Amino acid sequence: MYSYRNATEDDRDLVVQLYLSDVEENTKSASEFANDLIERLKTILCFADGKIVGTISWDTRGGLDDGVIELVGLGVSEEHRRKGVADELVQRLLKDASVFYAQNGHSLRVVYLFMEKGNEHGSAFYNHFGFKEVAVVPALMPDGDATIWTLHV
């Protein structure tokens, strides 16, 4: 039912459509979102019936020898939630990042992410993968504090 692959330039129109339908009707922001996912970050897409229904994006932090990545964003369309899509996206991110580091002569050591403080659903989800909440960053998010979560691989 679902297929997964890394985002490419060929996905630009679909990523823009995803933003316009699931986030907001703002073509400038949709274009910036597509640039981020396709050009700036490493992004894995999940497809169902020819549409993007999930995304996960990551990027390296520090030097490659540090072995650290940031999980920048994870999203699944509402109608595809609780069907294993987010789990599969995280598993694929961990595999792809590990391969990326191995190809560059290093090992993936740490994955970190920022999340809104008090996000109980997100906390339970990332706990499931072994992430641990390690710090609070006051006023990092537009609406309040954030927490930093880490996973040592």
N, C-alpha and C. Protein backbone atom coordinates (compact mmCIF):
# COMPACT_ATOMS: atom_id res chain seq x y z
N MET A 1 0.82 -1.20 0.00
CA MET A 1 0.00 0.00 0.00
C MET A 1 0.87 1.26 0.00
N TYR A 2 1.95 1.25 0.78
CA TYR A 2 2.83 2.42 0.85
C TYR A 2 4.14 2.14 0.15
N SER A 3 4.71 3.18 -0.46
CA SER A 3 6.06 3.09 -1.00
C SER A 3 6.86 4.26 -0.45
N TYR A 4 8.16 4.05 -0.35
CA TYR A 4 9.05 5.02 0.27
C TYR A 4 10.26 5.25 -0.63
N ARG A 5 10.73 6.49 -0.69
CA ARG A 5 11.96 6.78 -1.42
C ARG A 5 12.47 8.16 -1.03
N ASN A 6 13.72 8.41 -1.37
CA ASN A 6 14.31 9.72 -1.10
C ASN A 6 13.73 10.75 -2.05
N ALA A 7 13.54 11.96 -1.54
CA ALA A 7 13.00 13.05 -2.34
C ALA A 7 14.01 13.49 -3.39
N THR A 8 13.49 13.82 -4.58
CA THR A 8 14.32 14.34 -5.66
C THR A 8 13.62 15.56 -6.27
N GLU A 9 14.33 16.20 -7.17
CA GLU A 9 13.77 17.37 -7.86
C GLU A 9 12.45 17.01 -8.57
N ASP A 10 12.33 15.78 -9.03
CA ASP A 10 11.11 15.35 -9.71
C ASP A 10 9.88 15.40 -8.80
N ASP A 11 10.10 15.48 -7.48
CA ASP A 11 8.99 15.50 -6.51
C ASP A 11 8.52 16.91 -6.16
N ARG A 12 9.16 17.93 -6.72
CA ARG A 12 8.89 19.31 -6.32
C ARG A 12 7.39 19.65 -6.36
N ASP A 13 6.72 19.37 -7.47
CA ASP A 13 5.30 19.72 -7.57
C ASP A 13 4.46 19.00 -6.52
N LEU A 14 4.77 17.73 -6.27
CA LEU A 14 4.02 16.98 -5.26
C LEU A 14 4.26 17.53 -3.85
N VAL A 15 5.50 17.96 -3.56
CA VAL A 15 5.80 18.52 -2.24
C VAL A 15 5.08 19.87 -2.07
N VAL A 16 5.06 20.67 -3.11
CA VAL A 16 4.34 21.94 -3.06
C VAL A 16 2.86 21.68 -2.81
N GLN A 17 2.27 20.72 -3.54
CA GLN A 17 0.86 20.38 -3.36
C GLN A 17 0.57 19.88 -1.95
N LEU A 18 1.49 19.09 -1.40
CA LEU A 18 1.34 18.61 -0.02
C LEU A 18 1.23 19.79 0.93
N TYR A 19 2.13 20.74 0.80
CA TYR A 19 2.11 21.91 1.68
C TYR A 19 0.81 22.69 1.52
N LEU A 20 0.42 22.93 0.28
CA LEU A 20 -0.79 23.72 0.03
C LEU A 20 -2.05 23.04 0.56
N SER A 21 -2.09 21.71 0.51
CA SER A 21 -3.30 21.02 0.97
C SER A 21 -3.29 20.72 2.46
N ASP A 22 -2.10 20.45 3.03
CA ASP A 22 -2.05 20.01 4.43
C ASP A 22 -1.61 21.09 5.41
N VAL A 23 -0.98 22.16 4.92
CA VAL A 23 -0.47 23.19 5.84
C VAL A 23 -1.22 24.50 5.67
N GLU A 24 -1.02 25.15 4.53
CA GLU A 24 -1.71 26.41 4.26
C GLU A 24 -1.64 26.75 2.79
N GLU A 25 -2.56 27.58 2.35
CA GLU A 25 -2.60 28.05 0.96
C GLU A 25 -1.68 29.26 0.82
N ASN A 26 -0.39 29.01 0.76
CA ASN A 26 0.60 30.07 0.62
C ASN A 26 1.68 29.56 -0.32
N THR A 27 1.63 30.01 -1.58
CA THR A 27 2.54 29.45 -2.58
C THR A 27 4.00 29.78 -2.30
N LYS A 28 4.27 30.95 -1.73
CA LYS A 28 5.66 31.29 -1.41
C LYS A 28 6.20 30.34 -0.34
N SER A 29 5.43 30.13 0.72
CA SER A 29 5.85 29.20 1.78
C SER A 29 5.95 27.78 1.26
N ALA A 30 5.04 27.39 0.37
CA ALA A 30 5.06 26.04 -0.20
C ALA A 30 6.33 25.83 -1.02
N SER A 31 6.74 26.85 -1.76
CA SER A 31 7.96 26.76 -2.55
C SER A 31 9.19 26.66 -1.64
N GLU A 32 9.21 27.44 -0.57
CA GLU A 32 10.32 27.39 0.39
C GLU A 32 10.38 26.02 1.07
N PHE A 33 9.22 25.48 1.41
CA PHE A 33 9.13 24.15 2.01
C PHE A 33 9.72 23.10 1.06
N ALA A 34 9.33 23.17 -0.21
CA ALA A 34 9.86 22.23 -1.21
C ALA A 34 11.37 22.38 -1.35
N ASN A 35 11.87 23.61 -1.36
CA ASN A 35 13.32 23.82 -1.44
C ASN A 35 14.03 23.18 -0.26
N ASP A 36 13.48 23.37 0.93
CA ASP A 36 14.09 22.77 2.12
C ASP A 36 14.13 21.25 2.00
N LEU A 37 13.01 20.64 1.69
CA LEU A 37 12.94 19.18 1.67
C LEU A 37 13.77 18.56 0.55
N ILE A 38 13.87 19.25 -0.59
CA ILE A 38 14.54 18.66 -1.75
C ILE A 38 16.00 19.09 -1.85
N GLU A 39 16.29 20.35 -1.58
CA GLU A 39 17.64 20.87 -1.82
C GLU A 39 18.51 20.94 -0.56
N ARG A 40 17.92 21.33 0.56
CA ARG A 40 18.72 21.59 1.75
C ARG A 40 18.86 20.37 2.66
N LEU A 41 17.79 19.61 2.81
CA LEU A 41 17.77 18.49 3.75
C LEU A 41 17.78 17.16 3.02
N LYS A 42 18.02 16.10 3.75
CA LYS A 42 17.85 14.75 3.24
C LYS A 42 16.45 14.32 3.66
N THR A 43 15.61 14.00 2.69
CA THR A 43 14.20 13.75 2.98
C THR A 43 13.76 12.43 2.38
N ILE A 44 13.00 11.68 3.16
CA ILE A 44 12.37 10.45 2.71
C ILE A 44 10.87 10.72 2.61
N LEU A 45 10.30 10.30 1.51
CA LEU A 45 8.87 10.50 1.27
C LEU A 45 8.14 9.16 1.32
N CYS A 46 6.91 9.20 1.80
CA CYS A 46 6.02 8.04 1.77
C CYS A 46 4.88 8.37 0.82
N PHE A 47 4.59 7.44 -0.10
CA PHE A 47 3.54 7.63 -1.09
C PHE A 47 2.43 6.61 -0.90
N ALA A 48 1.21 7.05 -1.20
CA ALA A 48 0.04 6.17 -1.30
C ALA A 48 -0.81 6.72 -2.44
N ASP A 49 -1.15 5.89 -3.36
CA ASP A 49 -1.99 6.29 -4.50
C ASP A 49 -1.43 7.51 -5.22
N GLY A 50 -0.12 7.56 -5.39
CA GLY A 50 0.51 8.64 -6.14
C GLY A 50 0.64 9.96 -5.41
N LYS A 51 0.24 10.00 -4.14
CA LYS A 51 0.34 11.22 -3.34
C LYS A 51 1.32 11.03 -2.21
N ILE A 52 1.98 12.11 -1.82
CA ILE A 52 2.84 12.08 -0.64
C ILE A 52 1.94 12.09 0.58
N VAL A 53 2.13 11.10 1.46
CA VAL A 53 1.33 11.03 2.67
C VAL A 53 2.19 11.11 3.93
N GLY A 54 3.52 11.14 3.75
CA GLY A 54 4.41 11.27 4.89
C GLY A 54 5.79 11.72 4.47
N THR A 55 6.45 12.46 5.35
CA THR A 55 7.82 12.92 5.09
C THR A 55 8.62 12.87 6.37
N ILE A 56 9.92 12.63 6.22
CA ILE A 56 10.85 12.77 7.34
C ILE A 56 12.12 13.38 6.76
N SER A 57 12.65 14.38 7.45
CA SER A 57 13.83 15.09 6.96
C SER A 57 14.90 15.13 8.05
N TRP A 58 16.16 15.06 7.59
CA TRP A 58 17.28 15.09 8.53
C TRP A 58 18.47 15.77 7.88
N ASP A 59 19.42 16.14 8.72
CA ASP A 59 20.65 16.75 8.22
C ASP A 59 21.77 16.47 9.21
N THR A 60 22.99 16.48 8.70
CA THR A 60 24.15 16.27 9.55
C THR A 60 24.37 17.51 10.41
N ARG A 61 25.01 17.29 11.55
CA ARG A 61 25.39 18.39 12.44
C ARG A 61 26.84 18.17 12.83
N GLY A 62 27.62 19.23 12.85
CA GLY A 62 29.04 19.12 13.16
C GLY A 62 29.77 18.48 11.99
N GLY A 63 30.96 17.99 12.25
CA GLY A 63 31.71 17.28 11.22
C GLY A 63 31.22 15.86 11.09
N LEU A 64 31.50 15.24 9.96
CA LEU A 64 31.05 13.86 9.76
C LEU A 64 31.60 12.92 10.82
N ASP A 65 32.81 13.22 11.31
CA ASP A 65 33.38 12.35 12.34
C ASP A 65 32.63 12.45 13.66
N ASP A 66 31.79 13.48 13.83
CA ASP A 66 30.96 13.58 15.03
C ASP A 66 29.85 12.53 15.04
N GLY A 67 29.35 12.16 13.85
CA GLY A 67 28.30 11.15 13.76
C GLY A 67 26.96 11.60 14.32
N VAL A 68 26.63 12.88 14.14
CA VAL A 68 25.41 13.44 14.72
C VAL A 68 24.50 13.96 13.61
N ILE A 69 23.21 13.62 13.72
CA ILE A 69 22.22 14.19 12.82
C ILE A 69 21.08 14.80 13.63
N GLU A 70 20.41 15.74 13.00
CA GLU A 70 19.18 16.29 13.56
C GLU A 70 18.01 15.78 12.74
N LEU A 71 17.03 15.20 13.41
CA LEU A 71 15.76 14.87 12.78
C LEU A 71 15.01 16.19 12.74
N VAL A 72 14.91 16.77 11.56
CA VAL A 72 14.39 18.13 11.41
C VAL A 72 12.87 18.16 11.37
N GLY A 73 12.27 17.17 10.72
CA GLY A 73 10.81 17.18 10.62
C GLY A 73 10.26 15.82 10.27
N LEU A 74 9.11 15.52 10.83
CA LEU A 74 8.37 14.30 10.56
C LEU A 74 6.91 14.66 10.46
N GLY A 75 6.27 14.25 9.38
CA GLY A 75 4.85 14.53 9.22
C GLY A 75 4.14 13.43 8.45
N VAL A 76 2.93 13.14 8.86
CA VAL A 76 2.10 12.15 8.19
C VAL A 76 0.71 12.75 8.03
N SER A 77 0.15 12.64 6.83
CA SER A 77 -1.21 13.13 6.58
C SER A 77 -2.17 12.49 7.56
N GLU A 78 -3.14 13.26 7.98
CA GLU A 78 -4.06 12.82 9.03
C GLU A 78 -4.71 11.47 8.74
N GLU A 79 -5.14 11.25 7.50
CA GLU A 79 -5.83 10.00 7.18
C GLU A 79 -4.91 8.78 7.15
N HIS A 80 -3.59 9.01 7.22
CA HIS A 80 -2.64 7.89 7.20
C HIS A 80 -1.92 7.70 8.54
N ARG A 81 -2.35 8.44 9.54
CA ARG A 81 -1.74 8.28 10.87
C ARG A 81 -2.20 6.99 11.52
N ARG A 82 -1.36 6.49 12.42
CA ARG A 82 -1.63 5.27 13.17
C ARG A 82 -1.73 4.04 12.27
N LYS A 83 -1.00 4.09 11.15
CA LYS A 83 -0.95 2.96 10.23
C LYS A 83 0.49 2.50 9.99
N GLY A 84 1.40 2.95 10.85
CA GLY A 84 2.79 2.52 10.75
C GLY A 84 3.67 3.37 9.86
N VAL A 85 3.13 4.41 9.25
CA VAL A 85 3.91 5.24 8.33
C VAL A 85 5.03 5.97 9.07
N ALA A 86 4.73 6.60 10.18
CA ALA A 86 5.75 7.34 10.93
C ALA A 86 6.83 6.39 11.45
N ASP A 87 6.43 5.22 11.94
CA ASP A 87 7.41 4.22 12.40
C ASP A 87 8.36 3.85 11.27
N GLU A 88 7.80 3.57 10.11
CA GLU A 88 8.62 3.17 8.96
C GLU A 88 9.54 4.31 8.52
N LEU A 89 9.03 5.54 8.55
CA LEU A 89 9.88 6.68 8.18
C LEU A 89 11.07 6.82 9.13
N VAL A 90 10.84 6.67 10.42
CA VAL A 90 11.95 6.76 11.39
C VAL A 90 12.94 5.63 11.15
N GLN A 91 12.45 4.41 10.95
CA GLN A 91 13.35 3.28 10.69
C GLN A 91 14.19 3.52 9.44
N ARG A 92 13.56 4.05 8.40
CA ARG A 92 14.30 4.33 7.16
C ARG A 92 15.31 5.45 7.35
N LEU A 93 14.96 6.47 8.13
CA LEU A 93 15.91 7.54 8.42
C LEU A 93 17.14 6.96 9.12
N LEU A 94 16.94 6.12 10.12
CA LEU A 94 18.06 5.54 10.86
C LEU A 94 18.94 4.69 9.93
N LYS A 95 18.31 3.94 9.05
CA LYS A 95 19.08 3.12 8.10
C LYS A 95 19.83 4.00 7.11
N ASP A 96 19.13 4.97 6.50
CA ASP A 96 19.77 5.84 5.50
C ASP A 96 20.91 6.64 6.10
N ALA A 97 20.71 7.17 7.30
CA ALA A 97 21.77 7.96 7.95
C ALA A 97 22.96 7.08 8.29
N SER A 98 22.70 5.87 8.75
CA SER A 98 23.80 4.94 9.05
C SER A 98 24.60 4.62 7.79
N VAL A 99 23.90 4.37 6.68
CA VAL A 99 24.58 4.09 5.41
C VAL A 99 25.36 5.32 4.95
N PHE A 100 24.77 6.49 5.06
CA PHE A 100 25.45 7.72 4.68
C PHE A 100 26.78 7.87 5.43
N TYR A 101 26.74 7.68 6.74
CA TYR A 101 27.97 7.81 7.53
C TYR A 101 28.97 6.72 7.17
N ALA A 102 28.51 5.49 7.01
CA ALA A 102 29.42 4.39 6.67
C ALA A 102 30.11 4.66 5.33
N GLN A 103 29.35 5.19 4.36
CA GLN A 103 29.94 5.50 3.06
C GLN A 103 31.01 6.59 3.17
N ASN A 104 30.94 7.38 4.21
CA ASN A 104 31.90 8.45 4.43
C ASN A 104 32.94 8.09 5.48
N GLY A 105 33.01 6.80 5.84
CA GLY A 105 34.04 6.31 6.74
C GLY A 105 33.81 6.59 8.21
N HIS A 106 32.56 6.84 8.59
CA HIS A 106 32.24 7.16 9.98
C HIS A 106 31.00 6.38 10.42
N SER A 107 30.62 6.56 11.66
CA SER A 107 29.43 5.89 12.19
C SER A 107 28.43 6.92 12.69
N LEU A 108 27.16 6.64 12.46
CA LEU A 108 26.10 7.43 13.08
C LEU A 108 26.11 7.12 14.56
N ARG A 109 26.19 8.16 15.40
CA ARG A 109 26.23 7.95 16.85
C ARG A 109 24.99 8.49 17.56
N VAL A 110 24.54 9.69 17.14
CA VAL A 110 23.48 10.37 17.87
C VAL A 110 22.49 11.00 16.90
N VAL A 111 21.21 10.83 17.21
CA VAL A 111 20.13 11.53 16.51
C VAL A 111 19.47 12.43 17.55
N TYR A 112 19.26 13.70 17.20
CA TYR A 112 18.54 14.56 18.13
C TYR A 112 17.43 15.29 17.41
N LEU A 113 16.48 15.79 18.19
CA LEU A 113 15.37 16.55 17.64
C LEU A 113 14.86 17.52 18.70
N PHE A 114 14.20 18.55 18.23
CA PHE A 114 13.51 19.51 19.10
C PHE A 114 12.02 19.25 18.97
N MET A 115 11.30 19.37 20.09
CA MET A 115 9.86 19.18 20.09
C MET A 115 9.24 20.16 21.07
N GLU A 116 8.01 20.58 20.77
CA GLU A 116 7.31 21.46 21.70
C GLU A 116 7.17 20.77 23.04
N LYS A 117 7.50 21.50 24.10
CA LYS A 117 7.35 20.95 25.45
C LYS A 117 5.87 20.64 25.70
N GLY A 118 5.61 19.50 26.30
CA GLY A 118 4.24 19.12 26.60
C GLY A 118 3.55 18.34 25.49
N ASN A 119 4.25 18.02 24.42
CA ASN A 119 3.69 17.24 23.33
C ASN A 119 3.68 15.77 23.75
N GLU A 120 2.60 15.36 24.39
CA GLU A 120 2.53 14.01 24.95
C GLU A 120 2.53 12.94 23.87
N HIS A 121 1.84 13.19 22.76
CA HIS A 121 1.81 12.20 21.67
C HIS A 121 3.22 12.03 21.09
N GLY A 122 3.91 13.13 20.83
CA GLY A 122 5.27 13.08 20.31
C GLY A 122 6.22 12.42 21.28
N SER A 123 6.06 12.72 22.57
CA SER A 123 6.91 12.12 23.59
C SER A 123 6.76 10.60 23.61
N ALA A 124 5.53 10.13 23.58
CA ALA A 124 5.28 8.69 23.58
C ALA A 124 5.85 8.04 22.32
N PHE A 125 5.68 8.71 21.19
CA PHE A 125 6.18 8.16 19.92
C PHE A 125 7.69 8.01 19.96
N TYR A 126 8.41 9.06 20.33
CA TYR A 126 9.87 9.00 20.32
C TYR A 126 10.41 8.11 21.44
N ASN A 127 9.73 8.04 22.58
CA ASN A 127 10.12 7.09 23.63
C ASN A 127 10.11 5.66 23.09
N HIS A 128 9.14 5.37 22.25
CA HIS A 128 8.99 4.04 21.63
C HIS A 128 10.27 3.64 20.89
N PHE A 129 10.98 4.60 20.33
CA PHE A 129 12.23 4.33 19.60
C PHE A 129 13.47 4.41 20.48
N GLY A 130 13.29 4.76 21.74
CA GLY A 130 14.43 4.85 22.65
C GLY A 130 15.00 6.25 22.80
N PHE A 131 14.36 7.25 22.20
CA PHE A 131 14.79 8.63 22.42
C PHE A 131 14.55 9.01 23.88
N LYS A 132 15.40 9.87 24.40
CA LYS A 132 15.27 10.36 25.77
C LYS A 132 15.23 11.89 25.76
N GLU A 133 14.32 12.44 26.55
CA GLU A 133 14.28 13.90 26.71
C GLU A 133 15.47 14.30 27.58
N VAL A 134 16.28 15.24 27.08
CA VAL A 134 17.51 15.58 27.80
C VAL A 134 17.59 17.03 28.26
N ALA A 135 16.77 17.92 27.69
CA ALA A 135 16.86 19.32 28.10
C ALA A 135 15.62 20.08 27.66
N VAL A 136 15.40 21.20 28.33
CA VAL A 136 14.35 22.15 27.95
C VAL A 136 15.04 23.41 27.47
N VAL A 137 14.55 23.94 26.34
CA VAL A 137 15.07 25.20 25.80
C VAL A 137 13.94 26.23 25.88
N PRO A 138 14.05 27.17 26.80
CA PRO A 138 12.98 28.15 26.97
C PRO A 138 12.75 28.98 25.71
N ALA A 139 11.47 29.17 25.39
CA ALA A 139 11.03 30.08 24.32
C ALA A 139 11.63 29.77 22.95
N LEU A 140 12.02 28.53 22.69
CA LEU A 140 12.57 28.19 21.37
C LEU A 140 11.48 28.13 20.31
N MET A 141 10.32 27.65 20.68
CA MET A 141 9.20 27.52 19.74
C MET A 141 8.39 28.81 19.73
N PRO A 142 7.69 29.08 18.64
CA PRO A 142 6.88 30.30 18.58
C PRO A 142 5.87 30.42 19.71
N ASP A 143 5.37 29.26 20.19
CA ASP A 143 4.35 29.28 21.23
C ASP A 143 4.86 28.84 22.60
N GLY A 144 6.19 28.76 22.77
CA GLY A 144 6.68 28.38 24.09
C GLY A 144 7.99 27.62 24.06
N ASP A 145 8.16 26.82 25.09
CA ASP A 145 9.41 26.09 25.29
C ASP A 145 9.50 24.86 24.39
N ALA A 146 10.73 24.39 24.22
CA ALA A 146 10.98 23.15 23.48
C ALA A 146 11.74 22.19 24.36
N THR A 147 11.68 20.93 23.99
CA THR A 147 12.53 19.93 24.64
C THR A 147 13.45 19.36 23.58
N ILE A 148 14.63 18.95 24.01
CA ILE A 148 15.58 18.28 23.14
C ILE A 148 15.54 16.80 23.49
N TRP A 149 15.45 15.97 22.46
CA TRP A 149 15.42 14.52 22.61
C TRP A 149 16.61 13.94 21.88
N THR A 150 17.24 12.93 22.45
CA THR A 150 18.37 12.30 21.79
C THR A 150 18.19 10.78 21.76
N LEU A 151 18.79 10.19 20.73
CA LEU A 151 18.87 8.74 20.60
C LEU A 151 20.32 8.42 20.30
N HIS A 152 20.93 7.60 21.16
CA HIS A 152 22.29 7.13 20.91
C HIS A 152 22.19 5.80 20.18
N VAL A 153 22.74 5.76 18.97
CA VAL A 153 22.56 4.60 18.11
C VAL A 153 23.69 3.61 18.32
